[in-house]
Every structure is written in structure tokens, then in C-alpha cells.
Amino acid sequence: MVTETPRQDSRSPLTATRDGKSTFSQLTMIGTVMGTAGYMSPEQVRAQPADARSDVFSLGSVLYEMITARRSFQGETPADTMTGILKHPPPPLSQATTDGPPPLADFLHQCLQKNPSERFPTAEVLADALRPLS
């Protein structure tokens, strides 16, 4: 049986212990950008602290894609997508589909605001805004 010895350098999340077992060390370092580019909030792209409003942005991205069958921010590369998230508005819902009522477009617009203070502050407030659209 061939076994691989874990690397102990800073590039490997595996660390060998005295008894020969491998353990995972810290996988995410402070300031590391983690996530699927098309669903990240601007604060996540910038590796800044995120709160519930970041989740609101990500939910808005998922809902936009569910309604339009395309991502709200899509570039040729993850870096292009992240640039779009930081710098450009998503295509208006009316441009992407005729199925969505105007209140839904307004709802998504608020979810996808670049500035967290302009988004729904909590999931509860978001749910209250979504209820009349159902």
C-alpha cells in the first residue's frame, strides 16, 4: 500500500502529528476571499466582514438567476465577475425577462445594492417585503 506523506509547508492544509496522523490546520486565513464568484457580495469580494446583508445580496443573486436563467453578474473569468459585482449594476430584470412584475424588480434591486446599508437589513425584513409578491 502506498501512502502519501502530508506536506508541512504553508501551502498545505494538512499537518502531520507525532503519531503519524494527519489533521487539518486553519483552512481560511483572515483576508482570504472565499465563495462562488457569481454569488458573492461586494464586501465578500473585498474580503471585508460580512453580515446578514451579505446573505441578502447572495439570495438576490440566486433569485435573479432563478427568474432569468442567467446570473446577475457574469464575466468571462471569476475576476471579471467580481469586478462586475463591485462596479456594475445587474441587467434590469425587465431586460432579462418579461415574466417578473415590477415589484419583483424593485425587490431584487434592493437585494443587489452595492452598499450593504441600502439592502434589506435582515432576513425577517426581506421576508416581510417578499410576502406581498407571493
Protein backbone atom coordinates (compact mmCIF):
# COMPACT_ATOMS: atom_id res chain seq x y z
CA MET A 1 0.00 0.00 0.00
CA VAL A 2 1.32 3.42 -0.98
CA THR A 3 0.78 6.27 1.45
CA GLU A 4 1.48 9.91 0.86
CA THR A 5 3.26 11.97 3.47
CA PRO A 6 1.47 15.26 4.03
CA ARG A 7 3.45 18.41 3.30
CA GLN A 8 4.14 20.60 6.27
CA ASP A 9 4.63 23.84 4.40
CA SER A 10 2.29 26.83 4.46
CA ARG A 11 0.58 25.79 1.22
CA SER A 12 -0.93 22.61 2.63
CA PRO A 13 -3.92 22.49 4.96
CA LEU A 14 -2.71 19.07 6.17
CA THR A 15 -0.35 18.84 9.11
CA ALA A 16 1.28 15.64 10.34
CA THR A 17 1.14 14.92 14.07
CA ARG A 18 3.67 12.95 16.15
CA ASP A 19 1.65 9.75 15.91
CA GLY A 20 1.67 9.97 12.11
CA LYS A 21 -1.96 11.03 11.75
CA SER A 22 -2.88 13.96 9.58
CA THR A 23 -5.04 16.81 10.77
CA PHE A 24 -6.42 19.86 9.03
CA SER A 25 -4.94 23.16 10.05
CA GLN A 26 -6.61 26.53 9.56
CA LEU A 27 -8.18 26.38 6.10
CA THR A 28 -9.24 30.00 5.77
CA MET A 29 -6.92 32.83 6.62
CA ILE A 30 -8.12 36.31 7.55
CA GLY A 31 -8.45 38.40 4.40
CA THR A 32 -8.94 35.35 2.17
CA VAL A 33 -11.69 35.61 -0.44
CA MET A 34 -13.90 32.50 -0.36
CA GLY A 35 -17.08 31.75 -2.26
CA THR A 36 -18.56 31.23 -5.71
CA ALA A 37 -17.81 34.45 -7.56
CA GLY A 38 -21.26 34.91 -9.09
CA TYR A 39 -23.00 34.88 -5.70
CA MET A 40 -20.56 36.87 -3.57
CA SER A 41 -21.49 40.24 -2.11
CA PRO A 42 -19.22 43.22 -2.71
CA GLU A 43 -17.96 43.02 0.87
CA GLN A 44 -17.04 39.35 0.38
CA VAL A 45 -15.20 40.20 -2.84
CA ARG A 46 -13.22 42.79 -0.89
CA ALA A 47 -12.56 40.26 1.93
CA GLN A 48 -14.33 42.57 4.38
CA PRO A 49 -16.54 41.49 7.28
CA ALA A 50 -19.93 40.22 6.15
CA ASP A 51 -23.24 40.13 7.98
CA ALA A 52 -26.86 39.23 7.16
CA ARG A 53 -26.94 41.89 4.43
CA SER A 54 -24.27 39.93 2.58
CA ASP A 55 -26.60 36.92 2.61
CA VAL A 56 -29.37 39.18 1.27
CA PHE A 57 -27.13 40.08 -1.68
CA SER A 58 -26.34 36.40 -2.35
CA LEU A 59 -30.02 35.45 -2.12
CA GLY A 60 -30.82 38.26 -4.56
CA SER A 61 -28.23 36.81 -6.96
CA VAL A 62 -29.79 33.35 -6.72
CA LEU A 63 -33.34 34.67 -7.18
CA TYR A 64 -32.26 36.76 -10.17
CA GLU A 65 -30.79 33.64 -11.78
CA MET A 66 -33.89 31.56 -10.99
CA ILE A 67 -36.13 34.14 -12.67
CA THR A 68 -33.97 35.00 -15.67
CA ALA A 69 -31.97 31.77 -16.20
CA ARG A 70 -28.76 33.84 -16.15
CA ARG A 71 -26.55 35.25 -13.45
CA SER A 72 -26.90 38.81 -12.29
CA PHE A 73 -23.12 39.20 -12.59
CA GLN A 74 -21.27 37.04 -15.08
CA GLY A 75 -17.83 37.63 -16.54
CA GLU A 76 -15.51 35.52 -18.64
CA THR A 77 -13.38 34.78 -15.57
CA PRO A 78 -14.06 34.85 -11.83
CA ALA A 79 -12.03 38.09 -11.65
CA ASP A 80 -14.27 39.66 -14.32
CA THR A 81 -17.36 38.53 -12.40
CA MET A 82 -16.03 40.03 -9.17
CA THR A 83 -15.26 43.29 -10.98
CA GLY A 84 -18.87 43.37 -12.18
CA ILE A 85 -20.13 42.82 -8.64
CA LEU A 86 -18.04 45.76 -7.43
CA LYS A 87 -18.51 48.18 -10.34
CA HIS A 88 -21.61 47.45 -12.44
CA PRO A 89 -25.34 47.08 -11.80
CA PRO A 90 -27.01 43.84 -12.86
CA PRO A 91 -29.03 43.98 -16.07
CA PRO A 92 -32.54 45.25 -15.29
CA LEU A 93 -34.98 42.42 -14.72
CA SER A 94 -37.22 43.81 -17.48
CA GLN A 95 -34.32 43.40 -19.92
CA ALA A 96 -33.75 39.78 -18.93
CA THR A 97 -37.36 38.54 -18.75
CA THR A 98 -40.93 39.70 -19.19
CA ASP A 99 -42.19 37.29 -16.51
CA GLY A 100 -41.37 39.40 -13.46
CA PRO A 101 -43.79 42.01 -12.12
CA PRO A 102 -42.30 45.48 -11.40
CA PRO A 103 -42.47 44.99 -7.60
CA LEU A 104 -40.25 41.92 -8.00
CA ALA A 105 -37.72 44.00 -9.95
CA ASP A 106 -37.73 46.56 -7.13
CA PHE A 107 -37.25 43.79 -4.57
CA LEU A 108 -34.25 42.35 -6.44
CA HIS A 109 -32.83 45.82 -7.00
CA GLN A 110 -32.78 46.36 -3.23
CA CYS A 111 -31.21 42.95 -2.60
CA LEU A 112 -28.41 43.63 -5.09
CA GLN A 113 -27.36 47.06 -3.87
CA LYS A 114 -23.58 47.53 -3.70
CA ASN A 115 -23.81 49.33 -0.36
CA PRO A 116 -24.96 46.96 2.43
CA SER A 117 -26.85 49.78 4.17
CA GLU A 118 -29.15 50.03 1.12
CA ARG A 119 -30.14 46.33 1.26
CA PHE A 120 -32.73 44.66 3.46
CA PRO A 121 -31.06 44.60 6.90
CA THR A 122 -32.27 41.15 7.99
CA ALA A 123 -33.93 38.03 6.59
CA GLU A 124 -37.05 38.94 8.56
CA VAL A 125 -37.35 42.34 6.85
CA LEU A 126 -36.63 40.67 3.49
CA ALA A 127 -39.39 38.09 4.11
CA ASP A 128 -41.84 40.86 5.01
CA ALA A 129 -41.03 42.62 1.70
CA LEU A 130 -41.35 39.37 -0.26
CA ARG A 131 -44.71 38.27 1.23
CA PRO A 132 -46.88 40.64 -0.86
CA LEU A 133 -45.22 39.35 -4.05
CA SER A 134 -46.32 35.76 -3.47
